[in-house]
Structures are given as structure tokens and as C-alpha cells.
């Protein structure tokens, strides 16, 4: 996938193209359904398939207090967009000045002139232009003038939920990672680096990895069945794990941490060497229980062993279904 950091980076005569515009946070099943049609339409028209997105998220500029924690930070979002098969991504730097651009200017300058759009696919709730002045019908009218058609897609529904980034954020924040997985089409995951822990896992004889502070969307406090990939590339080791997200109240002063207990780690067979920059990809598969305070480290250790037993049974069941 070609990535253009701004319209100035698009080569002259780049079009014709079939385009979808949006934030695409999560690159969920609804997004991918639209992008699949974009790719198919582009092939039928011998055009390029293009996604137009923004960095940072517009609300971080317009209303920072209301800006959501992201399901997929920008590098992860680009990677997931590339996996959809689109030919190119135009990443528009979102600034206060850009936010004042009119709907007419956006359609004429970006969709028509820069991308040579012949078709635009959007969700039927799409809004654009200064103060979200325009919607799909205005886009369709502009397309009739500028030479592109507009296809509006209804919101996809699955298991009683609208497949939408806001819905997925709510589910993850509530700890409902199974439901979020259904809407995403993959497990919710965090991409981070290691942090130095407090040595609690070592004292309890449980091999652990702590994630560095993570500023984006995190699951609600609780204990989860997870998978942790350590390092980058296809050969990176992946471990079954039990992960605690929360304040670890058993040990006195609360301090939020995401701490993973590795289930299938063999230090003698494959020593795990972590640095502060080692990439970690932690996928959340299932919530075991809420976080709770235990009367002693020994009681916590006993509960961890129960959580480990639960997680091992979970992995045996899903592996038997493969």
C-alpha cells in the first residue's frame, strides 16, 4: 500500500480512483466491508483503490476533552488498512486550519483534483466539511458536478450491536472483549513495549511481562485470557497468558499496570530477552473475572493458579476446534 502523507505527495495524474474517507479507528468489520467494495469497484473500473484518513483524530484538535482513546493507534491502523488490499492511503494532517475547509473545497480539491475520484463509498452517516456541514446527499450532489458517483453503506449490525468504533470502545472499556472481538473480526490488542515491574510475579514464581504505560484504549479492570507476541516478524515467539489489567490492590498502594503471566514459557529452551524497545502485541481473548483485593500474597497466588487453570482449559478447547 502506498502511503501519501499529504496531497502534495500524490503524483500528478494519479487517478482515476475509487475512494473511502474516514477515521477508520479499529478497521473493524464494517470498515472492511466498505473497503472490500472499494477494491472490487476499483478493479472493475481499472482504477486505484484509495482510503483517505486523518492524523491526529479530528477530535484531538477540535475538542480534546471529548477525544476518544483509540482502538488502533496510527501505525497499527495503517498496517490494518494495508491488509484490506487497498492500493493507497492518503493521510491528511488534521489541524485547526484544515478543519475550516468547506465541503465544496474538500470534494473539489482532494477527491476530484488530487485523487481523480470516479466513485466514493461512505457510511450513510458520513459528515464532512467545516463543522460537519455536509452529509452523503451533499456529497452526491457535489459528485454529480465533479464527475464521481457516491455509494452510501448502511451500518452493519452483528449480535445485536452496531458495528461502529464507538460501540467497540464501549465494549472494550467494559471488559467485554469477546463481544468486541466479534465486531472487530479479530481480538482487541495492544501494541506496546515492556516496562519494569515490581518483582511481584518473580516472588510468586510466575513468569511475568509488564507493559509500559499505554495511553490509548485499554480493557476494563479485570483478569483476561490473552496471547502475547514478543518481538516483530513472522518468527516472533507467541505465548499463552493470563493478564491482569488494573491497580493490583493486594499490594497496598494502587498503581495501574497491565501484567501478563506467561503459561508456556520455558526459560531453559528459549530464554526471553526483553529490552525497553522490544515490540509487544497483547491480544485479549476472554475475560475471566473482575479485579479484586486479596488478604495476602499467598491468597493472590492461589487465585492466579486458578486463573491459569481456567486459561489452560480455554486454550485446550479452542485448539481442539482448529
Foldseek 3Di string as FASTA:
>chain_A
DAEAAALVRFDAPQWDAEEEEDACQLVAPQVLVQQLVRVVVCVVVVIFYEYEHEPPDQCCAVPVVPDAFTLAPDVRSVVSVVVSVGPYYYYHYDHPVVLQFAPLCCCCVPQCRSHVYAEYEYAQQDFDGRVSPDGQVVSQVSCVVRHHHYHHDYFDDDPRDTLDRVVLLVCQQAQVQQVSCVGRVHFRKDKFAFDDDPCLCVVLVFDKTWGDDDDGRHGHFAKFFKKKFKADDPPTDIFTWIWGFFQQPQVPGGDTIIMIGGLPDDCVVPNDDGDRPIIMMMGTNGTDTHDDHDPHSVVVSVVVVVVSVVSVVVVVVVVVVD
